[in-house]
Amino acid sequence: MHLTTEQLFTEARTQNGYLDEAVSDATLERLYDLLKWGPTAANSCPARFTFVRSAAAKERLIACMNPGNVQKVREAPVTVIVGMDMAFFEKLPKLFPHADARSWFVGKPAAIEATAFRNSSLQGGYMILAARALGLDCGPMSGFDAEKMDASFWSGTAVKTNFVCALGRGDPAKVFARNPRLAFDEACRLE
């Protein structure tokens, strides 16, 4: 697979609507097999992914979404709920075996929260890049009721919702005009 920066960044667009084309289980498995290699602090890998595809699961998800995001979820063949496992550190003996990294987090809720949020966000970003690499279009969203989402999709677990991302083949007719970005000197410092 030979990708260009244009495919991943400058030509890729945030999607607001999707064509009626299914995304296969094999594609979703390949997506995870790519994104899992992105770096996280202490190889913590706190992200958990729920791929919402069935009509029943979509209705549960739609009930959690803000009105402006309902149609995107309805149209997308898959919407991923990117969660953050607040007990990620329990897997550190497997994921980071050369140090007692688990002890860095036990009984330290602020460290758990910051690490889970930061690194699951990174993994969500890797997911978007992996999806684009596989030819999928993405529509990340943060307009939802987090408590309702957690109760509906993560009940009985230590996972909390970070963000949601629709996946599929984007409908070119529903892409907004490209918004501006900050220039280097507006967003960066060299010291």
Foldseek 3Di string as FASTA:
>chain_A
DDDDVCLQPVVAAAFDAADPDADDPVLVVQLCVQLLPDDAVLSLPFKDKDKDADPVSLVLQLVFFDPSNNRRSVGFNIKIFIKGQLQSLVCSCVRNVVDNVSVVPVPPSVVSVVRRQVRSVVSVSSSCSSLSVVVKHKHKDDGGHFVSCCCSPVPPGRITTRTMMGIHHHDPVRTDDDDDDDDCVVPHDDD
